[in-house]
C-alpha atoms as a PDB file:
ATOM      1  CA  MET A   1     -10.294 -29.077  31.422  1.00  0.00           C
ATOM      2  CA  HIS A   2     -13.922 -29.904  30.670  1.00  0.00           C
ATOM      3  CA  MET A   3     -16.307 -27.537  28.541  1.00  0.00           C
ATOM      4  CA  ALA A   4     -20.065 -27.372  27.430  1.00  0.00           C
ATOM      5  CA  GLU A   5     -20.722 -29.806  24.562  1.00  0.00           C
ATOM      6  CA  ILE A   6     -20.310 -28.737  21.045  1.00  0.00           C
ATOM      7  CA  LEU A   7     -21.803 -31.041  18.007  1.00  0.00           C
ATOM      8  CA  GLY A   8     -22.893 -33.276  20.999  1.00  0.00           C
ATOM      9  CA  LYS A   9     -19.464 -34.001  22.004  1.00  0.00           C
ATOM     10  CA  GLU A  10     -17.717 -32.988  25.636  1.00  0.00           C
ATOM     11  CA  ILE A  11     -14.979 -30.672  24.794  1.00  0.00           C
ATOM     12  CA  ILE A  12     -11.508 -31.289  26.594  1.00  0.00           C
ATOM     13  CA  ILE A  13      -9.024 -28.765  26.751  1.00  0.00           C
ATOM     14  CA  SER A  14      -5.585 -30.761  27.632  1.00  0.00           C
ATOM     15  CA  GLU A  15      -3.252 -27.788  26.532  1.00  0.00           C
ATOM     16  CA  SER A  16      -3.946 -23.871  26.455  1.00  0.00           C
ATOM     17  CA  GLU A  17      -0.923 -22.206  25.754  1.00  0.00           C
ATOM     18  CA  ALA A  18      -1.921 -21.667  22.518  1.00  0.00           C
ATOM     19  CA  LEU A  19      -5.182 -20.750  22.789  1.00  0.00           C
ATOM     20  CA  ILE A  20      -4.155 -17.983  25.584  1.00  0.00           C
ATOM     21  CA  ARG A  21      -1.291 -16.933  23.202  1.00  0.00           C
ATOM     22  CA  ILE A  22      -3.712 -16.215  19.891  1.00  0.00           C
ATOM     23  CA  SER A  23      -6.411 -14.894  21.751  1.00  0.00           C
ATOM     24  CA  GLY A  24      -3.829 -12.053  23.354  1.00  0.00           C
ATOM     25  CA  GLY A  25      -6.073 -11.909  26.546  1.00  0.00           C
ATOM     26  CA  ASP A  26      -9.194 -11.150  24.523  1.00  0.00           C
ATOM     27  CA  ALA A  27     -12.005 -13.347  25.978  1.00  0.00           C
ATOM     28  CA  ARG A  28     -13.880 -12.779  22.668  1.00  0.00           C
ATOM     29  CA  LYS A  29     -11.061 -14.189  20.294  1.00  0.00           C
ATOM     30  CA  LEU A  30     -10.719 -17.025  23.282  1.00  0.00           C
ATOM     31  CA  ILE A  31     -14.186 -17.903  22.855  1.00  0.00           C
ATOM     32  CA  ASN A  32     -14.333 -17.932  19.199  1.00  0.00           C
ATOM     33  CA  ALA A  33     -11.169 -19.775  18.932  1.00  0.00           C
ATOM     34  CA  ILE A  34     -12.010 -22.712  20.941  1.00  0.00           C
ATOM     35  CA  GLU A  35     -15.561 -23.074  18.930  1.00  0.00           C
ATOM     36  CA  ILE A  36     -13.337 -22.997  15.532  1.00  0.00           C
ATOM     37  CA  VAL A  37     -11.247 -25.370  17.079  1.00  0.00           C
ATOM     38  CA  SER A  38     -13.925 -27.681  18.430  1.00  0.00           C
ATOM     39  CA  GLU A  39     -15.942 -27.847  15.736  1.00  0.00           C
ATOM     40  CA  ALA A  40     -12.968 -28.632  13.022  1.00  0.00           C
ATOM     41  CA  ILE A  41     -11.832 -31.444  15.546  1.00  0.00           C
ATOM     42  CA  GLY A  42     -15.303 -32.872  16.036  1.00  0.00           C
ATOM     43  CA  ASN A  43     -16.069 -33.334  12.313  1.00  0.00           C
ATOM     44  CA  ILE A  44     -13.347 -35.707  11.834  1.00  0.00           C
ATOM     45  CA  GLU A  45     -12.451 -36.965  15.405  1.00  0.00           C
ATOM     46  CA  GLU A  46     -15.098 -38.701  18.105  1.00  0.00           C
ATOM     47  CA  LYS A  47     -13.442 -36.797  20.961  1.00  0.00           C
ATOM     48  CA  ILE A  48     -13.059 -33.073  21.141  1.00  0.00           C
ATOM     49  CA  ASP A  49      -9.280 -32.938  22.737  1.00  0.00           C
ATOM     50  CA  ILE A  50      -7.701 -29.777  22.271  1.00  0.00           C
ATOM     51  CA  LYS A  51      -4.273 -29.233  22.266  1.00  0.00           C
ATOM     52  CA  ASN A  52      -1.385 -26.582  21.293  1.00  0.00           C
ATOM     53  CA  GLU A  53      -0.733 -28.468  17.917  1.00  0.00           C
ATOM     54  CA  ASN A  54      -3.997 -28.961  16.472  1.00  0.00           C
ATOM     55  CA  THR A  55      -4.973 -25.296  17.935  1.00  0.00           C
ATOM     56  CA  LEU A  56      -2.274 -23.997  16.008  1.00  0.00           C
ATOM     57  CA  ALA A  57      -2.545 -25.637  12.987  1.00  0.00           C
ATOM     58  CA  ILE A  58      -6.891 -25.122  12.780  1.00  0.00           C
ATOM     59  CA  ILE A  59      -6.596 -21.631  13.535  1.00  0.00           C
ATOM     60  CA  GLN A  60      -4.199 -20.649  10.625  1.00  0.00           C
ATOM     61  CA  LYS A  61      -5.994 -22.296   8.104  1.00  0.00           C
ATOM     62  CA  ASN A  62      -9.086 -20.612   9.565  1.00  0.00           C
ATOM     63  CA  ILE A  63      -7.678 -17.082  10.327  1.00  0.00           C
ATOM     64  CA  ALA A  64     -10.375 -15.055   8.752  1.00  0.00           C
ATOM     65  CA  MET A  65     -12.786 -16.940  10.689  1.00  0.00           C
ATOM     66  CA  TYR A  66     -10.798 -16.632  13.789  1.00  0.00           C
ATOM     67  CA  ASP A  67     -10.591 -12.811  13.001  1.00  0.00           C
ATOM     68  CA  LYS A  68     -13.995 -11.898  12.385  1.00  0.00           C
ATOM     69  CA  LYS A  69     -13.539  -8.193  13.116  1.00  0.00           C
ATOM     70  CA  GLY A  70     -10.177  -7.832  11.376  1.00  0.00           C
ATOM     71  CA  GLU A  71      -8.050  -6.766  14.409  1.00  0.00           C
ATOM     72  CA  MET A  72      -5.102  -9.559  13.612  1.00  0.00           C
ATOM     73  CA  HIS A  73      -5.640  -9.297   9.734  1.00  0.00           C
ATOM     74  CA  TYR A  74      -4.994  -5.412   9.976  1.00  0.00           C
ATOM     75  CA  ASP A  75      -2.402  -4.983  12.790  1.00  0.00           C
ATOM     76  CA  VAL A  76      -0.038  -7.440  10.903  1.00  0.00           C
ATOM     77  CA  ILE A  77       0.199  -5.718   7.534  1.00  0.00           C
ATOM     78  CA  SER A  78       0.233  -2.366   9.059  1.00  0.00           C
ATOM     79  CA  ALA A  79       3.390  -3.616  10.825  1.00  0.00           C
ATOM     80  CA  PHE A  80       4.366  -4.934   7.595  1.00  0.00           C
ATOM     81  CA  ILE A  81       3.864  -1.824   5.671  1.00  0.00           C
ATOM     82  CA  LYS A  82       5.415   0.474   8.891  1.00  0.00           C
ATOM     83  CA  SER A  83       8.551  -2.157   8.473  1.00  0.00           C
ATOM     84  CA  MET A  84       8.926  -1.169   4.949  1.00  0.00           C
ATOM     85  CA  ARG A  85       8.451   2.658   5.133  1.00  0.00           C
ATOM     86  CA  GLY A  86      10.484   2.594   7.749  1.00  0.00           C
ATOM     87  CA  SER A  87      13.626   0.754   6.221  1.00  0.00           C
ATOM     88  CA  ASP A  88      14.045  -2.327   8.548  1.00  0.00           C
ATOM     89  CA  PRO A  89      14.295  -5.533   6.087  1.00  0.00           C
ATOM     90  CA  ASN A  90      14.350  -7.774   9.134  1.00  0.00           C
ATOM     91  CA  ALA A  91      11.187  -6.711  10.570  1.00  0.00           C
ATOM     92  CA  THR A  92       9.781  -6.608   7.220  1.00  0.00           C
ATOM     93  CA  VAL A  93      10.141 -10.220   6.522  1.00  0.00           C
ATOM     94  CA  TYR A  94       9.080 -11.095   9.882  1.00  0.00           C
ATOM     95  CA  TRP A  95       5.636 -10.058   9.324  1.00  0.00           C
ATOM     96  CA  LEU A  96       5.819 -11.307   6.068  1.00  0.00           C
ATOM     97  CA  ALA A  97       6.397 -14.506   7.624  1.00  0.00           C
ATOM     98  CA  ARG A  98       3.411 -14.108   9.930  1.00  0.00           C
ATOM     99  CA  MET A  99       0.757 -13.417   6.918  1.00  0.00           C
ATOM    100  CA  ILE A 100       2.465 -16.093   5.153  1.00  0.00           C
ATOM    101  CA  ALA A 101       1.777 -18.608   8.356  1.00  0.00           C
ATOM    102  CA  ALA A 102      -1.706 -17.228   8.529  1.00  0.00           C
ATOM    103  CA  GLY A 103      -2.518 -18.428   5.082  1.00  0.00           C
ATOM    104  CA  GLU A 104      -3.111 -14.471   4.115  1.00  0.00           C
ATOM    105  CA  ASP A 105      -4.125 -13.802   0.118  1.00  0.00           C
ATOM    106  CA  PRO A 106      -0.651 -13.507  -1.485  1.00  0.00           C
ATOM    107  CA  LEU A 107      -2.363 -10.611  -3.892  1.00  0.00           C
ATOM    108  CA  PHE A 108      -3.094  -8.672  -0.979  1.00  0.00           C
ATOM    109  CA  ILE A 109       0.142  -8.475   0.259  1.00  0.00           C
ATOM    110  CA  ALA A 110       1.385  -7.702  -3.230  1.00  0.00           C
ATOM    111  CA  ARG A 111      -1.403  -5.213  -3.946  1.00  0.00           C
ATOM    112  CA  ARG A 112      -0.188  -2.912  -0.566  1.00  0.00           C
ATOM    113  CA  MET A 113       3.547  -3.464  -1.838  1.00  0.00           C
ATOM    114  CA  LEU A 114       2.468  -2.072  -4.726  1.00  0.00           C
ATOM    115  CA  ILE A 115       0.807   0.805  -3.259  1.00  0.00           C
ATOM    116  CA  LEU A 116       3.925   1.530  -0.877  1.00  0.00           C
ATOM    117  CA  ALA A 117       6.344   1.188  -3.708  1.00  0.00           C
ATOM    118  CA  SER A 118       4.479   4.805  -5.071  1.00  0.00           C
ATOM    119  CA  GLU A 119       3.167   6.070  -1.656  1.00  0.00           C
ATOM    120  CA  ASP A 120       6.639   6.083   0.100  1.00  0.00           C
ATOM    121  CA  ILE A 121       9.116   5.556  -2.513  1.00  0.00           C
ATOM    122  CA  GLY A 122       8.146   7.425  -5.482  1.00  0.00           C
ATOM    123  CA  ASN A 123      10.664   9.097  -7.684  1.00  0.00           C
ATOM    124  CA  ALA A 124      13.204   8.596  -5.060  1.00  0.00           C
ATOM    125  CA  ASN A 125      13.465   5.000  -6.967  1.00  0.00           C
ATOM    126  CA  PRO A 126      10.914   4.930  -9.736  1.00  0.00           C
ATOM    127  CA  ASN A 127      12.286   0.935 -10.264  1.00  0.00           C
ATOM    128  CA  ALA A 128      10.028   0.402  -6.764  1.00  0.00           C
ATOM    129  CA  LEU A 129       6.943   0.688  -8.768  1.00  0.00           C
ATOM    130  CA  LEU A 130       8.136  -1.501 -11.758  1.00  0.00           C
ATOM    131  CA  LEU A 131       9.545  -4.273  -9.188  1.00  0.00           C
ATOM    132  CA  ALA A 132       6.309  -4.335  -7.385  1.00  0.00           C
ATOM    133  CA  ASN A 133       4.156  -4.210 -10.312  1.00  0.00           C
ATOM    134  CA  SER A 134       6.197  -7.486 -11.598  1.00  0.00           C
ATOM    135  CA  CYS A 135       5.879  -8.955  -8.001  1.00  0.00           C
ATOM    136  CA  PHE A 136       2.380  -8.495  -8.442  1.00  0.00           C
ATOM    137  CA  ASP A 137       2.129 -10.261 -11.801  1.00  0.00           C
ATOM    138  CA  ALA A 138       4.375 -13.189 -10.658  1.00  0.00           C
ATOM    139  CA  VAL A 139       1.965 -13.678  -7.523  1.00  0.00           C
ATOM    140  CA  ASN A 140      -0.656 -13.843  -9.619  1.00  0.00           C
ATOM    141  CA  LYS A 141       0.767 -16.581 -11.818  1.00  0.00           C
ATOM    142  CA  ILE A 142       2.576 -18.531  -9.343  1.00  0.00           C
ATOM    143  CA  GLY A 143       0.547 -18.153  -5.865  1.00  0.00           C
ATOM    144  CA  PHE A 144       1.831 -20.355  -2.715  1.00  0.00           C
ATOM    145  CA  PRO A 145       4.270 -22.031  -1.785  1.00  0.00           C
ATOM    146  CA  GLU A 146       6.727 -20.337  -4.260  1.00  0.00           C
ATOM    147  CA  CYS A 147       5.777 -17.167  -4.403  1.00  0.00           C
ATOM    148  CA  ARG A 148       7.026 -16.575  -1.265  1.00  0.00           C
ATOM    149  CA  ILE A 149      10.304 -16.173  -2.456  1.00  0.00           C
ATOM    150  CA  ILE A 150       9.363 -13.274  -4.782  1.00  0.00           C
ATOM    151  CA  LEU A 151       6.971 -11.811  -2.060  1.00  0.00           C
ATOM    152  CA  SER A 152      10.201 -11.784   0.078  1.00  0.00           C
ATOM    153  CA  GLN A 153      12.634 -10.331  -2.740  1.00  0.00           C
ATOM    154  CA  THR A 154      10.351  -7.517  -3.464  1.00  0.00           C
ATOM    155  CA  ALA A 155       9.415  -6.782   0.232  1.00  0.00           C
ATOM    156  CA  VAL A 156      13.188  -6.575   1.335  1.00  0.00           C
ATOM    157  CA  TYR A 157      13.652  -4.528  -2.238  1.00  0.00           C
ATOM    158  CA  LEU A 158      11.153  -1.905  -0.929  1.00  0.00           C
ATOM    159  CA  ALA A 159      12.720  -2.062   2.385  1.00  0.00           C
ATOM    160  CA  ASN A 160      16.172  -1.210   1.289  1.00  0.00           C
ATOM    161  CA  SER A 161      15.220   1.616  -1.026  1.00  0.00           C
ATOM    162  CA  ALA A 162      15.488   5.306  -0.753  1.00  0.00           C
ATOM    163  CA  LYS A 163      12.178   6.762   0.643  1.00  0.00           C
ATOM    164  CA  SER A 164      10.042   9.829  -0.454  1.00  0.00           C
ATOM    165  CA  ASN A 165       6.346  10.482  -0.624  1.00  0.00           C
ATOM    166  CA  SER A 166       6.690  13.994  -2.538  1.00  0.00           C
ATOM    167  CA  THR A 167       4.287  12.866  -5.071  1.00  0.00           C
ATOM    168  CA  TYR A 168       1.681  11.454  -3.075  1.00  0.00           C
ATOM    169  CA  MET A 169       1.784  14.770  -1.084  1.00  0.00           C
ATOM    170  CA  ALA A 170       1.557  16.422  -4.436  1.00  0.00           C
ATOM    171  CA  ILE A 171      -1.505  15.103  -5.402  1.00  0.00           C
ATOM    172  CA  GLU A 172      -3.051  15.119  -1.921  1.00  0.00           C
ATOM    173  CA  GLY A 173      -2.381  19.352  -2.084  1.00  0.00           C
ATOM    174  CA  ALA A 174      -3.515  19.529  -5.438  1.00  0.00           C
ATOM    175  CA  ILE A 175      -6.664  17.942  -4.620  1.00  0.00           C
ATOM    176  CA  ALA A 176      -7.385  19.742  -1.603  1.00  0.00           C
ATOM    177  CA  SER A 177      -6.810  22.923  -3.343  1.00  0.00           C
ATOM    178  CA  LEU A 178      -9.244  21.782  -6.069  1.00  0.00           C
ATOM    179  CA  GLU A 179     -11.940  21.467  -2.995  1.00  0.00           C
ATOM    180  CA  LYS A 180     -11.216  24.763  -1.873  1.00  0.00           C
ATOM    181  CA  THR A 181     -11.156  26.845  -5.397  1.00  0.00           C
ATOM    182  CA  GLY A 182     -13.725  24.276  -7.549  1.00  0.00           C
ATOM    183  CA  ASP A 183     -13.291  23.834 -11.322  1.00  0.00           C
ATOM    184  CA  LEU A 184     -11.453  27.035 -11.847  1.00  0.00           C
ATOM    185  CA  PRO A 185     -11.376  28.281 -15.918  1.00  0.00           C
ATOM    186  CA  VAL A 186      -8.409  26.521 -18.155  1.00  0.00           C
ATOM    187  CA  PRO A 187      -6.299  29.394 -19.463  1.00  0.00           C
ATOM    188  CA  LEU A 188      -7.280  30.268 -22.910  1.00  0.00           C
ATOM    189  CA  HIS A 189      -3.805  29.466 -24.634  1.00  0.00           C
ATOM    190  CA  LEU A 190      -4.056  26.053 -23.302  1.00  0.00           C
ATOM    191  CA  ARG A 191      -7.607  25.276 -24.239  1.00  0.00           C
ATOM    192  CA  ASN A 192      -8.155  22.907 -27.385  1.00  0.00           C
ATOM    193  CA  ALA A 193      -9.420  24.862 -30.468  1.00  0.00           C
ATOM    194  CA  PRO A 194     -10.707  22.625 -33.151  1.00  0.00           C
ATOM    195  CA  THR A 195     -12.932  24.821 -34.756  1.00  0.00           C
ATOM    196  CA  ARG A 196     -12.568  28.549 -36.490  1.00  0.00           C
ATOM    197  CA  LEU A 197     -15.003  30.179 -33.897  1.00  0.00           C
ATOM    198  CA  MET A 198     -12.859  28.748 -31.122  1.00  0.00           C
ATOM    199  CA  LYS A 199      -9.810  29.898 -32.497  1.00  0.00           C
ATOM    200  CA  SER A 200     -11.520  33.229 -32.976  1.00  0.00           C
ATOM    201  CA  ILE A 201     -12.183  33.933 -29.869  1.00  0.00           C
ATOM    202  CA  GLY A 202      -8.898  33.162 -28.345  1.00  0.00           C
ATOM    203  CA  TYR A 203      -8.481  29.303 -27.855  1.00  0.00           C
ATOM    204  CA  GLY A 204      -4.925  28.207 -27.657  1.00  0.00           C
ATOM    205  CA  LYS A 205      -3.570  31.756 -28.714  1.00  0.00           C
ATOM    206  CA  ASP A 206      -0.265  32.762 -27.561  1.00  0.00           C
ATOM    207  CA  TYR A 207       0.293  28.935 -26.782  1.00  0.00           C
ATOM    208  CA  LEU A 208       4.126  27.968 -27.105  1.00  0.00           C
ATOM    209  CA  TYR A 209       5.092  24.909 -28.272  1.00  0.00           C
ATOM    210  CA  ALA A 210       7.990  23.846 -25.839  1.00  0.00           C
ATOM    211  CA  HIS A 211       9.985  21.922 -28.732  1.00  0.00           C
ATOM    212  CA  SER A 212      10.462  25.066 -30.406  1.00  0.00           C
ATOM    213  CA  PHE A 213      12.587  26.396 -27.917  1.00  0.00           C
ATOM    214  CA  ASP A 214      16.287  25.401 -26.532  1.00  0.00           C
ATOM    215  CA  ASN A 215      16.018  22.284 -23.672  1.00  0.00           C
ATOM    216  CA  ASN A 216      12.610  21.780 -25.219  1.00  0.00           C
ATOM    217  CA  PHE A 217      11.150  24.424 -22.555  1.00  0.00           C
ATOM    218  CA  VAL A 218       9.596  27.858 -22.662  1.00  0.00           C
ATOM    219  CA  ASP A 219       8.311  29.674 -19.609  1.00  0.00           C
ATOM    220  CA  ILE A 220       4.689  29.773 -19.997  1.00  0.00           C
ATOM    221  CA  GLU A 221       1.692  29.940 -17.378  1.00  0.00           C
ATOM    222  CA  PHE A 222       0.222  26.370 -17.000  1.00  0.00           C
ATOM    223  CA  LEU A 223      -2.190  27.048 -13.937  1.00  0.00           C
ATOM    224  CA  PRO A 224      -5.278  28.991 -13.738  1.00  0.00           C
ATOM    225  CA  ASP A 225      -4.658  32.648 -12.910  1.00  0.00           C
ATOM    226  CA  LYS A 226      -5.802  32.119  -8.953  1.00  0.00           C
ATOM    227  CA  LEU A 227      -3.183  29.591  -8.868  1.00  0.00           C
ATOM    228  CA  LYS A 228      -0.211  31.288 -10.157  1.00  0.00           C
ATOM    229  CA  GLY A 229       2.888  30.072  -8.541  1.00  0.00           C
ATOM    230  CA  THR A 230       1.338  27.752  -6.445  1.00  0.00           C
ATOM    231  CA  LYS A 231       4.023  24.627  -5.668  1.00  0.00           C
ATOM    232  CA  PHE A 232       2.432  21.225  -5.276  1.00  0.00           C
ATOM    233  CA  TYR A 233       5.074  19.030  -5.600  1.00  0.00           C
ATOM    234  CA  GLU A 234       7.962  19.411  -3.349  1.00  0.00           C
ATOM    235  CA  PRO A 235      11.006  17.080  -4.456  1.00  0.00           C
ATOM    236  CA  GLY A 236      12.143  14.751  -1.559  1.00  0.00           C
ATOM    237  CA  LYS A 237      15.565  14.777   0.076  1.00  0.00           C
ATOM    238  CA  ASN A 238      17.012  11.814  -1.797  1.00  0.00           C
ATOM    239  CA  GLN A 239      19.668  11.562  -4.355  1.00  0.00           C
ATOM    240  CA  ARG A 240      17.461  11.406  -7.457  1.00  0.00           C
ATOM    241  CA  GLU A 241      14.958  13.928  -6.462  1.00  0.00           C
ATOM    242  CA  ALA A 242      17.785  16.345  -5.635  1.00  0.00           C
ATOM    243  CA  GLU A 243      18.748  15.952  -9.371  1.00  0.00           C
ATOM    244  CA  THR A 244      14.972  16.828  -9.935  1.00  0.00           C
ATOM    245  CA  ARG A 245      15.050  20.300  -7.868  1.00  0.00           C
ATOM    246  CA  ASP A 246      18.277  21.566 -10.067  1.00  0.00           C
ATOM    247  CA  PHE A 247      16.147  20.724 -13.180  1.00  0.00           C
ATOM    248  CA  LEU A 248      13.251  22.741 -11.876  1.00  0.00           C
ATOM    249  CA  LYS A 249      14.967  25.517 -10.524  1.00  0.00           C
ATOM    250  CA  LYS A 250      16.868  26.052 -13.830  1.00  0.00           C
ATOM    251  CA  ARG A 251      13.924  26.026 -15.905  1.00  0.00           C
ATOM    252  CA  TRP A 252      11.457  27.922 -13.399  1.00  0.00           C
ATOM    253  CA  LYS A 253      14.083  30.603 -11.740  1.00  0.00           C
ATOM    254  CA  ASP A 254      12.628  31.782  -8.627  1.00  0.00           C
ATOM    255  CA  LYS A 255       8.964  31.272  -9.804  1.00  0.00           C
ATOM    256  CA  TYR A 256       8.201  28.272  -7.548  1.00  0.00           C
ATOM    257  CA  ASN A 257      10.929  28.562  -5.103  1.00  0.00           C
ATOM    258  CA  TYR A 258      12.928  25.382  -5.858  1.00  0.00           C
END
């Protein structure tokens, strides 16, 4: 197959299977791929002959140029995240391998795992966040190719971990409440009272120091009056947060309906 000239040279496509596969039926991506491969070959060869082997090699090295609008980039990272969230370690390492083969920034991968460790695992397994943070630091120190091992270990651990989005939902709920109610005043007994005047008008009055009571707990109100009894944090259905639910139930009785 002959194409128009590029760099003053005629383009010959001897093999087109790789071009068709990576473009996924998208004509824009196909043309973009042909241009990138042709320019890469034309810069070092007299004859621009496109074959499957050089197509794959060149596109993998120039994935950012090839996928200008980021469809492939974001589709693959999305599949990777959803596989970990869905507790499938096999799909997780497959999509990880796809990103590694495409030359994805390993810190981008590690950063997304760090977010997932808190958003989708959270207090169901707090160690997940610690491991993901250690992974980010290690990847930053080591880089490719060795960091693929650390990325794989962490990704599989996150996929296999118990899941909970309870703390993510808690902060989302609190922010949504803030948007509706605005900046409600801090209750007087919770306010700081660094001056005599502040103390005289009630700042800090009636505050009870938790450590002065049994089990380091005392039942006082910590929310603004308009939000009394509002429950933002709902423990997830997992072993660790079941213990948290029991703890809160014993402390707050029926106040928050735990």
